[in-house]
């Protein structure tokens, strides 16, 4: 689908974002499980973070990318589990903020689509 296709297909963008949010949520959940294990397999943790960063980059979620990148660079400088956990909390906070903002945007989009449909029927 191209950007022009998004103009003619209402809801396509929201479907894409919903897919991203679901995938991101599952990855964050997986991070929670991985960091609860003893010992923590940091290699697997960082693979999941790379997935989050990649998906976030694709949709332009800059704050999620930054939070992911901070986690990835921390592995080179910090072996402190508490610091990694703080950074994971930050990633979860950024996800929640993004999800809430996208939910508000989806609501507005649905209202617009509904209003346009009513206007078209009136004509």
PDB file of N, CA and C in Angstrom:
ATOM      1  N   UNK A   1       0.842  -1.176   0.000  1.00  0.00           N
ATOM      2  CA  UNK A   1       0.000   0.000   0.000  1.00  0.00           C
ATOM      3  C   UNK A   1       0.884   1.235   0.000  1.00  0.00           C
ATOM      4  N   UNK A   2       0.534   2.190  -0.811  1.00  0.00           N
ATOM      5  CA  UNK A   2       1.275   3.447  -0.889  1.00  0.00           C
ATOM      6  C   UNK A   2       0.580   4.495  -0.032  1.00  0.00           C
ATOM      7  N   UNK A   3       1.243   5.633   0.136  1.00  0.00           N
ATOM      8  CA  UNK A   3       0.618   6.721   0.884  1.00  0.00           C
ATOM      9  C   UNK A   3      -0.653   7.202   0.198  1.00  0.00           C
ATOM     10  N   UNK A   4      -0.663   7.178  -1.132  1.00  0.00           N
ATOM     11  CA  UNK A   4      -1.883   7.574  -1.848  1.00  0.00           C
ATOM     12  C   UNK A   4      -3.019   6.595  -1.544  1.00  0.00           C
ATOM     13  N   UNK A   5      -2.672   5.347  -1.370  1.00  0.00           N
ATOM     14  CA  UNK A   5      -3.681   4.356  -1.034  1.00  0.00           C
ATOM     15  C   UNK A   5      -4.328   4.629   0.314  1.00  0.00           C
ATOM     16  N   UNK A   6      -3.567   5.231   1.222  1.00  0.00           N
ATOM     17  CA  UNK A   6      -4.124   5.564   2.526  1.00  0.00           C
ATOM     18  C   UNK A   6      -5.223   6.614   2.414  1.00  0.00           C
ATOM     19  N   UNK A   7      -5.115   7.481   1.409  1.00  0.00           N
ATOM     20  CA  UNK A   7      -6.135   8.514   1.216  1.00  0.00           C
ATOM     21  C   UNK A   7      -7.474   7.904   0.817  1.00  0.00           C
ATOM     22  N   UNK A   8      -7.427   6.855   0.019  1.00  0.00           N
ATOM     23  CA  UNK A   8      -8.662   6.262  -0.488  1.00  0.00           C
ATOM     24  C   UNK A   8      -9.193   5.144   0.399  1.00  0.00           C
ATOM     25  N   UNK A   9      -8.401   4.676   1.315  1.00  0.00           N
ATOM     26  CA  UNK A   9      -8.805   3.587   2.200  1.00  0.00           C
ATOM     27  C   UNK A   9      -8.863   4.079   3.642  1.00  0.00           C
ATOM     28  N   UNK A  10      -9.982   4.644   4.069  1.00  0.00           N
ATOM     29  CA  UNK A  10     -10.069   5.086   5.454  1.00  0.00           C
ATOM     30  C   UNK A  10      -9.888   3.903   6.398  1.00  0.00           C
ATOM     31  N   UNK A  11      -9.137   4.107   7.408  1.00  0.00           N
ATOM     32  CA  UNK A  11      -8.913   3.045   8.377  1.00  0.00           C
ATOM     33  C   UNK A  11      -7.641   2.264   8.136  1.00  0.00           C
ATOM     34  N   UNK A  12      -7.022   2.395   6.969  1.00  0.00           N
ATOM     35  CA  UNK A  12      -5.796   1.647   6.688  1.00  0.00           C
ATOM     36  C   UNK A  12      -4.673   2.043   7.634  1.00  0.00           C
ATOM     37  N   UNK A  13      -4.539   3.330   7.853  1.00  0.00           N
ATOM     38  CA  UNK A  13      -3.491   3.803   8.748  1.00  0.00           C
ATOM     39  C   UNK A  13      -3.744   3.324  10.170  1.00  0.00           C
ATOM     40  N   UNK A  14      -4.979   3.395  10.607  1.00  0.00           N
ATOM     41  CA  UNK A  14      -5.265   2.938  11.968  1.00  0.00           C
ATOM     42  C   UNK A  14      -5.038   1.436  12.092  1.00  0.00           C
ATOM     43  N   UNK A  15      -5.333   0.669  11.046  1.00  0.00           N
ATOM     44  CA  UNK A  15      -5.057  -0.774  11.080  1.00  0.00           C
ATOM     45  C   UNK A  15      -3.562  -1.044  11.200  1.00  0.00           C
ATOM     46  N   UNK A  16      -2.763  -0.274  10.457  1.00  0.00           N
ATOM     47  CA  UNK A  16      -1.310  -0.425  10.524  1.00  0.00           C
ATOM     48  C   UNK A  16      -0.803  -0.103  11.920  1.00  0.00           C
ATOM     49  N   UNK A  17      -1.288   0.984  12.479  1.00  0.00           N
ATOM     50  CA  UNK A  17      -0.849   1.395  13.815  1.00  0.00           C
ATOM     51  C   UNK A  17      -1.303   0.406  14.880  1.00  0.00           C
ATOM     52  N   UNK A  18      -2.507  -0.124  14.732  1.00  0.00           N
ATOM     53  CA  UNK A  18      -2.991  -1.116  15.686  1.00  0.00           C
ATOM     54  C   UNK A  18      -2.129  -2.374  15.646  1.00  0.00           C
ATOM     55  N   UNK A  19      -1.702  -2.763  14.453  1.00  0.00           N
ATOM     56  CA  UNK A  19      -0.807  -3.911  14.318  1.00  0.00           C
ATOM     57  C   UNK A  19       0.520  -3.632  15.003  1.00  0.00           C
ATOM     58  N   UNK A  20       1.051  -2.433  14.795  1.00  0.00           N
ATOM     59  CA  UNK A  20       2.300  -2.034  15.456  1.00  0.00           C
ATOM     60  C   UNK A  20       2.133  -2.070  16.975  1.00  0.00           C
ATOM     61  N   UNK A  21       1.053  -1.480  17.480  1.00  0.00           N
ATOM     62  CA  UNK A  21       0.843  -1.432  18.927  1.00  0.00           C
ATOM     63  C   UNK A  21       0.738  -2.830  19.524  1.00  0.00           C
ATOM     64  N   UNK A  22       0.048  -3.722  18.832  1.00  0.00           N
ATOM     65  CA  UNK A  22      -0.087  -5.099  19.320  1.00  0.00           C
ATOM     66  C   UNK A  22       1.277  -5.781  19.366  1.00  0.00           C
ATOM     67  N   UNK A  23       2.036  -5.644  18.296  1.00  0.00           N
ATOM     68  CA  UNK A  23       3.364  -6.246  18.233  1.00  0.00           C
ATOM     69  C   UNK A  23       4.278  -5.671  19.308  1.00  0.00           C
ATOM     70  N   UNK A  24       4.228  -4.372  19.470  1.00  0.00           N
ATOM     71  CA  UNK A  24       5.067  -3.709  20.467  1.00  0.00           C
ATOM     72  C   UNK A  24       4.681  -4.167  21.878  1.00  0.00           C
ATOM     73  N   UNK A  25       3.391  -4.262  22.142  1.00  0.00           N
ATOM     74  CA  UNK A  25       2.920  -4.731  23.447  1.00  0.00           C
ATOM     75  C   UNK A  25       3.437  -6.141  23.731  1.00  0.00           C
ATOM     76  N   UNK A  26       3.333  -7.016  22.736  1.00  0.00           N
ATOM     77  CA  UNK A  26       3.813  -8.390  22.905  1.00  0.00           C
ATOM     78  C   UNK A  26       5.316  -8.420  23.166  1.00  0.00           C
ATOM     79  N   UNK A  27       6.067  -7.570  22.470  1.00  0.00           N
ATOM     80  CA  UNK A  27       7.513  -7.510  22.687  1.00  0.00           C
ATOM     81  C   UNK A  27       7.848  -6.979  24.077  1.00  0.00           C
ATOM     82  N   UNK A  28       7.124  -5.983  24.539  1.00  0.00           N
ATOM     83  CA  UNK A  28       7.365  -5.451  25.883  1.00  0.00           C
ATOM     84  C   UNK A  28       7.009  -6.498  26.932  1.00  0.00           C
ATOM     85  N   UNK A  29       5.939  -7.231  26.700  1.00  0.00           N
ATOM     86  CA  UNK A  29       5.568  -8.322  27.602  1.00  0.00           C
ATOM     87  C   UNK A  29       6.668  -9.378  27.635  1.00  0.00           C
ATOM     88  N   UNK A  30       7.208  -9.702  26.474  1.00  0.00           N
ATOM     89  CA  UNK A  30       8.308 -10.665  26.411  1.00  0.00           C
ATOM     90  C   UNK A  30       9.525 -10.144  27.170  1.00  0.00           C
ATOM     91  N   UNK A  31       9.798  -8.853  27.066  1.00  0.00           N
ATOM     92  CA  UNK A  31      10.908  -8.265  27.824  1.00  0.00           C
ATOM     93  C   UNK A  31      10.693  -8.436  29.325  1.00  0.00           C
ATOM     94  N   UNK A  32       9.457  -8.271  29.769  1.00  0.00           N
ATOM     95  CA  UNK A  32       9.152  -8.446  31.194  1.00  0.00           C
ATOM     96  C   UNK A  32       9.463  -9.867  31.645  1.00  0.00           C
ATOM     97  N   UNK A  33       9.060 -10.841  30.835  1.00  0.00           N
ATOM     98  CA  UNK A  33       9.347 -12.237  31.179  1.00  0.00           C
ATOM     99  C   UNK A  33      10.847 -12.511  31.173  1.00  0.00           C
ATOM    100  N   UNK A  34      11.519 -12.018  30.156  1.00  0.00           N
ATOM    101  CA  UNK A  34      12.959 -12.267  30.037  1.00  0.00           C
ATOM    102  C   UNK A  34      13.744 -11.650  31.185  1.00  0.00           C
ATOM    103  N   UNK A  35      13.343 -10.480  31.638  1.00  0.00           N
ATOM    104  CA  UNK A  35      14.088  -9.820  32.717  1.00  0.00           C
ATOM    105  C   UNK A  35      13.730 -10.373  34.086  1.00  0.00           C
ATOM    106  N   UNK A  36      12.657 -11.156  34.177  1.00  0.00           N
ATOM    107  CA  UNK A  36      12.312 -11.806  35.442  1.00  0.00           C
ATOM    108  C   UNK A  36      13.099 -13.093  35.653  1.00  0.00           C
ATOM    109  N   UNK A  37      13.662 -13.635  34.577  1.00  0.00           N
ATOM    110  CA  UNK A  37      14.428 -14.878  34.673  1.00  0.00           C
ATOM    111  C   UNK A  37      15.764 -14.624  35.358  1.00  0.00           C
ATOM    112  N   UNK A  38      16.268 -15.643  36.009  1.00  0.00           N
ATOM    113  CA  UNK A  38      17.612 -15.576  36.598  1.00  0.00           C
ATOM    114  C   UNK A  38      18.442 -16.698  36.012  1.00  0.00           C
ATOM    115  N   UNK A  39      19.574 -16.450  35.466  1.00  0.00           N
ATOM    116  CA  UNK A  39      20.117 -15.139  35.120  1.00  0.00           C
ATOM    117  C   UNK A  39      19.413 -14.597  33.868  1.00  0.00           C
ATOM    118  N   UNK A  40      19.452 -13.299  33.718  1.00  0.00           N
ATOM    119  CA  UNK A  40      18.821 -12.651  32.569  1.00  0.00           C
ATOM    120  C   UNK A  40      19.672 -12.908  31.332  1.00  0.00           C
ATOM    121  N   UNK A  41      19.038 -13.414  30.288  1.00  0.00           N
ATOM    122  CA  UNK A  41      19.728 -13.631  29.016  1.00  0.00           C
ATOM    123  C   UNK A  41      19.679 -12.320  28.237  1.00  0.00           C
ATOM    124  N   UNK A  42      20.693 -11.485  28.448  1.00  0.00           N
ATOM    125  CA  UNK A  42      20.706 -10.150  27.856  1.00  0.00           C
ATOM    126  C   UNK A  42      20.739 -10.199  26.332  1.00  0.00           C
ATOM    127  N   UNK A  43      21.291 -11.247  25.790  1.00  0.00           N
ATOM    128  CA  UNK A  43      21.319 -11.375  24.330  1.00  0.00           C
ATOM    129  C   UNK A  43      19.893 -11.438  23.772  1.00  0.00           C
ATOM    130  N   UNK A  44      19.049 -12.236  24.410  1.00  0.00           N
ATOM    131  CA  UNK A  44      17.646 -12.329  23.984  1.00  0.00           C
ATOM    132  C   UNK A  44      16.906 -11.020  24.251  1.00  0.00           C
ATOM    133  N   UNK A  45      17.215 -10.393  25.374  1.00  0.00           N
ATOM    134  CA  UNK A  45      16.591  -9.110  25.704  1.00  0.00           C
ATOM    135  C   UNK A  45      16.887  -8.095  24.610  1.00  0.00           C
ATOM    136  N   UNK A  46      18.136  -8.013  24.189  1.00  0.00           N
ATOM    137  CA  UNK A  46      18.508  -7.021  23.184  1.00  0.00           C
ATOM    138  C   UNK A  46      17.919  -7.340  21.810  1.00  0.00           C
ATOM    139  N   UNK A  47      17.727  -8.609  21.510  1.00  0.00           N
ATOM    140  CA  UNK A  47      17.057  -8.953  20.247  1.00  0.00           C
ATOM    141  C   UNK A  47      15.630  -8.410  20.219  1.00  0.00           C
ATOM    142  N   UNK A  48      14.943  -8.538  21.335  1.00  0.00           N
ATOM    143  CA  UNK A  48      13.573  -8.026  21.420  1.00  0.00           C
ATOM    144  C   UNK A  48      13.578  -6.502  21.318  1.00  0.00           C
ATOM    145  N   UNK A  49      14.544  -5.868  21.961  1.00  0.00           N
ATOM    146  CA  UNK A  49      14.641  -4.406  21.883  1.00  0.00           C
ATOM    147  C   UNK A  49      14.886  -3.973  20.441  1.00  0.00           C
ATOM    148  N   UNK A  50      15.714  -4.709  19.713  1.00  0.00           N
ATOM    149  CA  UNK A  50      15.941  -4.395  18.297  1.00  0.00           C
ATOM    150  C   UNK A  50      14.640  -4.470  17.500  1.00  0.00           C
ATOM    151  N   UNK A  51      13.794  -5.458  17.818  1.00  0.00           N
ATOM    152  CA  UNK A  51      12.505  -5.566  17.119  1.00  0.00           C
ATOM    153  C   UNK A  51      11.628  -4.348  17.412  1.00  0.00           C
ATOM    154  N   UNK A  52      11.601  -3.935  18.666  1.00  0.00           N
ATOM    155  CA  UNK A  52      10.810  -2.757  19.034  1.00  0.00           C
ATOM    156  C   UNK A  52      11.345  -1.525  18.318  1.00  0.00           C
ATOM    157  N   UNK A  53      12.655  -1.381  18.321  1.00  0.00           N
ATOM    158  CA  UNK A  53      13.266  -0.218  17.676  1.00  0.00           C
ATOM    159  C   UNK A  53      12.964  -0.208  16.177  1.00  0.00           C
ATOM    160  N   UNK A  54      13.070  -1.354  15.532  1.00  0.00           N
ATOM    161  CA  UNK A  54      12.813  -1.435  14.094  1.00  0.00           C
ATOM    162  C   UNK A  54      11.380  -1.088  13.741  1.00  0.00           C
ATOM    163  N   UNK A  55      10.429  -1.658  14.471  1.00  0.00           N
ATOM    164  CA  UNK A  55       9.023  -1.350  14.218  1.00  0.00           C
ATOM    165  C   UNK A  55       8.704   0.110  14.475  1.00  0.00           C
ATOM    166  N   UNK A  56       9.290   0.636  15.525  1.00  0.00           N
ATOM    167  CA  UNK A  56       9.063   2.044  15.873  1.00  0.00           C
ATOM    168  C   UNK A  56       9.640   2.967  14.815  1.00  0.00           C
ATOM    169  N   UNK A  57      10.788   2.594  14.283  1.00  0.00           N
ATOM    170  CA  UNK A  57      11.395   3.394  13.212  1.00  0.00           C
ATOM    171  C   UNK A  57      10.504   3.416  11.981  1.00  0.00           C
ATOM    172  N   UNK A  58       9.899   2.281  11.674  1.00  0.00           N
ATOM    173  CA  UNK A  58       9.055   2.185  10.477  1.00  0.00           C
ATOM    174  C   UNK A  58       7.835   3.094  10.536  1.00  0.00           C
ATOM    175  N   UNK A  59       7.308   3.319  11.734  1.00  0.00           N
ATOM    176  CA  UNK A  59       6.110   4.164  11.823  1.00  0.00           C
ATOM    177  C   UNK A  59       6.432   5.588  12.253  1.00  0.00           C
ATOM    178  N   UNK A  60       7.692   5.864  12.539  1.00  0.00           N
ATOM    179  CA  UNK A  60       8.077   7.224  12.913  1.00  0.00           C
ATOM    180  C   UNK A  60       7.871   7.546  14.377  1.00  0.00           C
ATOM    181  N   UNK A  61       7.869   6.535  15.230  1.00  0.00           N
ATOM    182  CA  UNK A  61       7.706   6.745  16.674  1.00  0.00           C
ATOM    183  C   UNK A  61       9.074   7.071  17.283  1.00  0.00           C
ATOM    184  N   UNK A  62       9.482   8.317  17.127  1.00  0.00           N
ATOM    185  CA  UNK A  62      10.843   8.737  17.488  1.00  0.00           C
ATOM    186  C   UNK A  62      11.163   8.523  18.962  1.00  0.00           C
ATOM    187  N   UNK A  63      10.212   8.772  19.843  1.00  0.00           N
ATOM    188  CA  UNK A  63      10.495   8.610  21.271  1.00  0.00           C
ATOM    189  C   UNK A  63      10.681   7.141  21.639  1.00  0.00           C
ATOM    190  N   UNK A  64       9.958   6.258  20.973  1.00  0.00           N
ATOM    191  CA  UNK A  64      10.154   4.821  21.195  1.00  0.00           C
ATOM    192  C   UNK A  64      11.519   4.394  20.673  1.00  0.00           C
ATOM    193  N   UNK A  65      11.910   4.933  19.527  1.00  0.00           N
ATOM    194  CA  UNK A  65      13.228   4.631  18.965  1.00  0.00           C
ATOM    195  C   UNK A  65      14.310   5.095  19.933  1.00  0.00           C
ATOM    196  N   UNK A  66      14.165   6.306  20.465  1.00  0.00           N
ATOM    197  CA  UNK A  66      15.157   6.847  21.393  1.00  0.00           C
ATOM    198  C   UNK A  66      15.240   6.005  22.660  1.00  0.00           C
ATOM    199  N   UNK A  67      14.091   5.613  23.207  1.00  0.00           N
ATOM    200  CA  UNK A  67      14.086   4.777  24.411  1.00  0.00           C
ATOM    201  C   UNK A  67      14.738   3.425  24.132  1.00  0.00           C
ATOM    202  N   UNK A  68      14.470   2.862  22.966  1.00  0.00           N
ATOM    203  CA  UNK A  68      15.086   1.583  22.581  1.00  0.00           C
ATOM    204  C   UNK A  68      16.588   1.744  22.404  1.00  0.00           C
ATOM    205  N   UNK A  69      16.987   2.811  21.734  1.00  0.00           N
ATOM    206  CA  UNK A  69      18.410   3.053  21.497  1.00  0.00           C
ATOM    207  C   UNK A  69      19.153   3.257  22.812  1.00  0.00           C
ATOM    208  N   UNK A  70      18.543   3.943  23.754  1.00  0.00           N
ATOM    209  CA  UNK A  70      19.164   4.140  25.065  1.00  0.00           C
ATOM    210  C   UNK A  70      19.391   2.798  25.745  1.00  0.00           C
ATOM    211  N   UNK A  71      18.417   1.916  25.643  1.00  0.00           N
ATOM    212  CA  UNK A  71      18.582   0.572  26.206  1.00  0.00           C
ATOM    213  C   UNK A  71      19.706  -0.187  25.517  1.00  0.00           C
ATOM    214  N   UNK A  72      19.753  -0.089  24.209  1.00  0.00           N
ATOM    215  CA  UNK A  72      20.784  -0.814  23.461  1.00  0.00           C
ATOM    216  C   UNK A  72      22.180  -0.293  23.772  1.00  0.00           C
ATOM    217  N   UNK A  73      22.333   1.005  23.894  1.00  0.00           N
ATOM    218  CA  UNK A  73      23.666   1.551  24.191  1.00  0.00           C
ATOM    219  C   UNK A  73      24.050   1.320  25.643  1.00  0.00           C
ATOM    220  N   UNK A  74      23.069   1.113  26.507  1.00  0.00           N
ATOM    221  CA  UNK A  74      23.384   0.874  27.919  1.00  0.00           C
ATOM    222  C   UNK A  74      24.122  -0.446  28.111  1.00  0.00           C
ATOM    223  N   UNK A  75      23.939  -1.363  27.195  1.00  0.00           N
ATOM    224  CA  UNK A  75      24.610  -2.661  27.362  1.00  0.00           C
ATOM    225  C   UNK A  75      26.118  -2.527  27.239  1.00  0.00           C
ATOM    226  N   UNK A  76      26.562  -1.494  26.536  1.00  0.00           N
ATOM    227  CA  UNK A  76      28.000  -1.291  26.377  1.00  0.00           C
ATOM    228  C   UNK A  76      28.625  -0.606  27.584  1.00  0.00           C
ATOM    229  N   UNK A  77      27.803   0.129  28.310  1.00  0.00           N
ATOM    230  CA  UNK A  77      28.347   0.930  29.404  1.00  0.00           C
ATOM    231  C   UNK A  77      27.899   0.473  30.777  1.00  0.00           C
ATOM    232  N   UNK A  78      26.797  -0.247  30.846  1.00  0.00           N
ATOM    233  CA  UNK A  78      26.228  -0.581  32.147  1.00  0.00           C
ATOM    234  C   UNK A  78      25.928  -2.074  32.220  1.00  0.00           C
ATOM    235  N   UNK A  79      26.393  -2.705  33.272  1.00  0.00           N
ATOM    236  CA  UNK A  79      26.003  -4.081  33.540  1.00  0.00           C
ATOM    237  C   UNK A  79      25.067  -4.130  34.738  1.00  0.00           C
ATOM    238  N   UNK A  80      24.597  -2.989  35.133  1.00  0.00           N
ATOM    239  CA  UNK A  80      23.754  -2.858  36.300  1.00  0.00           C
ATOM    240  C   UNK A  80      22.308  -3.200  35.943  1.00  0.00           C
ATOM    241  N   UNK A  81      21.797  -4.247  36.529  1.00  0.00           N
ATOM    242  CA  UNK A  81      20.435  -4.692  36.216  1.00  0.00           C
ATOM    243  C   UNK A  81      19.399  -3.629  36.589  1.00  0.00           C
ATOM    244  N   UNK A  82      19.627  -2.936  37.700  1.00  0.00           N
ATOM    245  CA  UNK A  82      18.673  -1.908  38.118  1.00  0.00           C
ATOM    246  C   UNK A  82      18.543  -0.809  37.065  1.00  0.00           C
ATOM    247  N   UNK A  83      19.658  -0.413  36.475  1.00  0.00           N
ATOM    248  CA  UNK A  83      19.628   0.627  35.439  1.00  0.00           C
ATOM    249  C   UNK A  83      18.860   0.128  34.214  1.00  0.00           C
ATOM    250  N   UNK A  84      19.096  -1.113  33.829  1.00  0.00           N
ATOM    251  CA  UNK A  84      18.372  -1.692  32.693  1.00  0.00           C
ATOM    252  C   UNK A  84      16.872  -1.717  32.995  1.00  0.00           C
ATOM    253  N   UNK A  85      16.510  -2.050  34.220  1.00  0.00           N
ATOM    254  CA  UNK A  85      15.096  -2.086  34.596  1.00  0.00           C
ATOM    255  C   UNK A  85      14.480  -0.683  34.537  1.00  0.00           C
ATOM    256  N   UNK A  86      15.236   0.336  34.940  1.00  0.00           N
ATOM    257  CA  UNK A  86      14.748   1.718  34.832  1.00  0.00           C
ATOM    258  C   UNK A  86      14.505   2.082  33.368  1.00  0.00           C
ATOM    259  N   UNK A  87      15.432   1.690  32.522  1.00  0.00           N
ATOM    260  CA  UNK A  87      15.291   1.988  31.096  1.00  0.00           C
ATOM    261  C   UNK A  87      14.113   1.230  30.483  1.00  0.00           C
ATOM    262  N   UNK A  88      13.876   0.008  30.951  1.00  0.00           N
ATOM    263  CA  UNK A  88      12.707  -0.749  30.484  1.00  0.00           C
ATOM    264  C   UNK A  88      11.413  -0.065  30.926  1.00  0.00           C
ATOM    265  N   UNK A  89      11.406   0.441  32.151  1.00  0.00           N
ATOM    266  CA  UNK A  89      10.235   1.187  32.622  1.00  0.00           C
ATOM    267  C   UNK A  89       9.991   2.409  31.748  1.00  0.00           C
ATOM    268  N   UNK A  90      11.068   3.083  31.372  1.00  0.00           N
ATOM    269  CA  UNK A  90      10.950   4.246  30.497  1.00  0.00           C
ATOM    270  C   UNK A  90      10.361   3.839  29.142  1.00  0.00           C
ATOM    271  N   UNK A  91      10.809   2.718  28.609  1.00  0.00           N
ATOM    272  CA  UNK A  91      10.282   2.216  27.339  1.00  0.00           C
ATOM    273  C   UNK A  91       8.784   1.930  27.459  1.00  0.00           C
ATOM    274  N   UNK A  92       8.384   1.310  28.570  1.00  0.00           N
ATOM    275  CA  UNK A  92       6.964   1.028  28.786  1.00  0.00           C
ATOM    276  C   UNK A  92       6.151   2.319  28.901  1.00  0.00           C
ATOM    277  N   UNK A  93       6.711   3.313  29.567  1.00  0.00           N
ATOM    278  CA  UNK A  93       6.021   4.604  29.685  1.00  0.00           C
ATOM    279  C   UNK A  93       5.838   5.257  28.317  1.00  0.00           C
ATOM    280  N   UNK A  94       6.876   5.205  27.499  1.00  0.00           N
ATOM    281  CA  UNK A  94       6.787   5.783  26.150  1.00  0.00           C
ATOM    282  C   UNK A  94       5.751   5.045  25.314  1.00  0.00           C
ATOM    283  N   UNK A  95       5.703   3.720  25.466  1.00  0.00           N
ATOM    284  CA  UNK A  95       4.700   2.935  24.746  1.00  0.00           C
ATOM    285  C   UNK A  95       3.290   3.354  25.174  1.00  0.00           C
ATOM    286  N   UNK A  96       3.077   3.480  26.472  1.00  0.00           N
ATOM    287  CA  UNK A  96       1.753   3.863  26.977  1.00  0.00           C
ATOM    288  C   UNK A  96       1.342   5.237  26.459  1.00  0.00           C
ATOM    289  N   UNK A  97       2.274   6.166  26.453  1.00  0.00           N
ATOM    290  CA  UNK A  97       1.997   7.507  25.947  1.00  0.00           C
ATOM    291  C   UNK A  97       1.633   7.461  24.460  1.00  0.00           C
ATOM    292  N   UNK A  98       2.410   6.727  23.684  1.00  0.00           N
ATOM    293  CA  UNK A  98       2.138   6.598  22.249  1.00  0.00           C
ATOM    294  C   UNK A  98       0.783   5.941  22.007  1.00  0.00           C
ATOM    295  N   UNK A  99       0.512   4.867  22.743  1.00  0.00           N
ATOM    296  CA  UNK A  99      -0.768   4.160  22.585  1.00  0.00           C
ATOM    297  C   UNK A  99      -1.940   5.094  22.884  1.00  0.00           C
ATOM    298  N   UNK A 100      -1.837   5.852  23.964  1.00  0.00           N
ATOM    299  CA  UNK A 100      -2.922   6.768  24.328  1.00  0.00           C
ATOM    300  C   UNK A 100      -3.136   7.836  23.260  1.00  0.00           C
ATOM    301  N   UNK A 101      -2.043   8.374  22.741  1.00  0.00           N
ATOM    302  CA  UNK A 101      -2.164   9.404  21.705  1.00  0.00           C
ATOM    303  C   UNK A 101      -2.748   8.825  20.414  1.00  0.00           C
ATOM    304  N   UNK A 102      -2.315   7.630  20.050  1.00  0.00           N
ATOM    305  CA  UNK A 102      -2.864   7.002  18.843  1.00  0.00           C
ATOM    306  C   UNK A 102      -4.333   6.644  19.026  1.00  0.00           C
ATOM    307  N   UNK A 103      -4.706   6.200  20.228  1.00  0.00           N
ATOM    308  CA  UNK A 103      -6.122   5.912  20.490  1.00  0.00           C
ATOM    309  C   UNK A 103      -6.972   7.164  20.300  1.00  0.00           C
ATOM    310  N   UNK A 104      -6.476   8.294  20.792  1.00  0.00           N
ATOM    311  CA  UNK A 104      -7.202   9.560  20.614  1.00  0.00           C
ATOM    312  C   UNK A 104      -7.306   9.909  19.129  1.00  0.00           C
ATOM    313  N   UNK A 105      -6.218   9.703  18.401  1.00  0.00           N
ATOM    314  CA  UNK A 105      -6.216   9.976  16.965  1.00  0.00           C
ATOM    315  C   UNK A 105      -7.193   9.066  16.228  1.00  0.00           C
ATOM    316  N   UNK A 106      -7.227   7.779  16.588  1.00  0.00           N
ATOM    317  CA  UNK A 106      -8.154   6.838  15.954  1.00  0.00           C
ATOM    318  C   UNK A 106      -9.599   7.249  16.213  1.00  0.00           C
ATOM    319  N   UNK A 107      -9.873   7.721  17.414  1.00  0.00           N
ATOM    320  CA  UNK A 107     -11.226   8.165  17.746  1.00  0.00           C
ATOM    321  C   UNK A 107     -11.637   9.331  16.855  1.00  0.00           C
ATOM    322  N   UNK A 108     -10.737  10.285  16.696  1.00  0.00           N
ATOM    323  CA  UNK A 108     -11.019  11.427  15.822  1.00  0.00           C
ATOM    324  C   UNK A 108     -11.213  10.963  14.380  1.00  0.00           C
ATOM    325  N   UNK A 109     -10.369  10.040  13.936  1.00  0.00           N
ATOM    326  CA  UNK A 109     -10.485   9.526  12.568  1.00  0.00           C
ATOM    327  C   UNK A 109     -11.850   8.874  12.349  1.00  0.00           C
ATOM    328  N   UNK A 110     -12.283   8.057  13.305  1.00  0.00           N
ATOM    329  CA  UNK A 110     -13.588   7.398  13.178  1.00  0.00           C
ATOM    330  C   UNK A 110     -14.721   8.422  13.145  1.00  0.00           C
ATOM    331  N   UNK A 111     -14.596   9.464  13.954  1.00  0.00           N
ATOM    332  CA  UNK A 111     -15.620  10.510  13.957  1.00  0.00           C
ATOM    333  C   UNK A 111     -15.676  11.223  12.611  1.00  0.00           C
ATOM    334  N   UNK A 112     -14.521  11.488  12.033  1.00  0.00           N
ATOM    335  CA  UNK A 112     -14.471  12.151  10.724  1.00  0.00           C
ATOM    336  C   UNK A 112     -15.077  11.258   9.653  1.00  0.00           C
ATOM    337  N   UNK A 113     -14.695   9.995   9.649  1.00  0.00           N
ATOM    338  CA  UNK A 113     -15.234   9.053   8.657  1.00  0.00           C
ATOM    339  C   UNK A 113     -16.749   8.961   8.795  1.00  0.00           C
ATOM    340  N   UNK A 114     -17.218   8.904  10.025  1.00  0.00           N
ATOM    341  CA  UNK A 114     -18.663   8.832  10.269  1.00  0.00           C
ATOM    342  C   UNK A 114     -19.352  10.111   9.790  1.00  0.00           C
ATOM    343  N   UNK A 115     -18.761  11.265  10.083  1.00  0.00           N
ATOM    344  CA  UNK A 115     -19.345  12.551   9.672  1.00  0.00           C
ATOM    345  C   UNK A 115     -19.355  12.692   8.155  1.00  0.00           C
ATOM    346  N   UNK A 116     -18.285  12.289   7.499  1.00  0.00           N
ATOM    347  CA  UNK A 116     -18.220  12.370   6.036  1.00  0.00           C
ATOM    348  C   UNK A 116     -19.274  11.463   5.419  1.00  0.00           C
ATOM    349  N   UNK A 117     -19.465  10.311   5.992  1.00  0.00           N
ATOM    350  CA  UNK A 117     -20.494   9.402   5.492  1.00  0.00           C
ATOM    351  C   UNK A 117     -21.878  10.008   5.595  1.00  0.00           C
ATOM    352  N   UNK A 118     -22.143  10.722   6.683  1.00  0.00           N
ATOM    353  CA  UNK A 118     -23.450  11.370   6.844  1.00  0.00           C
ATOM    354  C   UNK A 118     -23.623  12.505   5.845  1.00  0.00           C
ATOM    355  N   UNK A 119     -22.553  13.257   5.594  1.00  0.00           N
ATOM    356  CA  UNK A 119     -22.624  14.362   4.633  1.00  0.00           C
ATOM    357  C   UNK A 119     -22.862  13.823   3.233  1.00  0.00           C
ATOM    358  N   UNK A 120     -22.173  12.760   2.866  1.00  0.00           N
ATOM    359  CA  UNK A 120     -22.340  12.177   1.523  1.00  0.00           C
ATOM    360  C   UNK A 120     -23.758  11.667   1.322  1.00  0.00           C
ATOM    361  N   UNK A 121     -24.347  11.073   2.342  1.00  0.00           N
ATOM    362  CA  UNK A 121     -25.717  10.571   2.220  1.00  0.00           C
ATOM    363  C   UNK A 121     -26.708  11.714   2.093  1.00  0.00           C
ATOM    364  N   UNK A 122     -26.397  12.834   2.718  1.00  0.00           N
ATOM    365  CA  UNK A 122     -27.281  13.987   2.657  1.00  0.00           C
ATOM    366  C   UNK A 122     -27.320  14.563   1.257  1.00  0.00           C
ATOM    367  N   UNK A 123     -26.184  14.558   0.562  1.00  0.00           N
ATOM    368  CA  UNK A 123     -26.118  15.099  -0.808  1.00  0.00           C
ATOM    369  C   UNK A 123     -26.785  14.119  -1.700  1.00  0.00           C
TER     370      UNK A 123
END
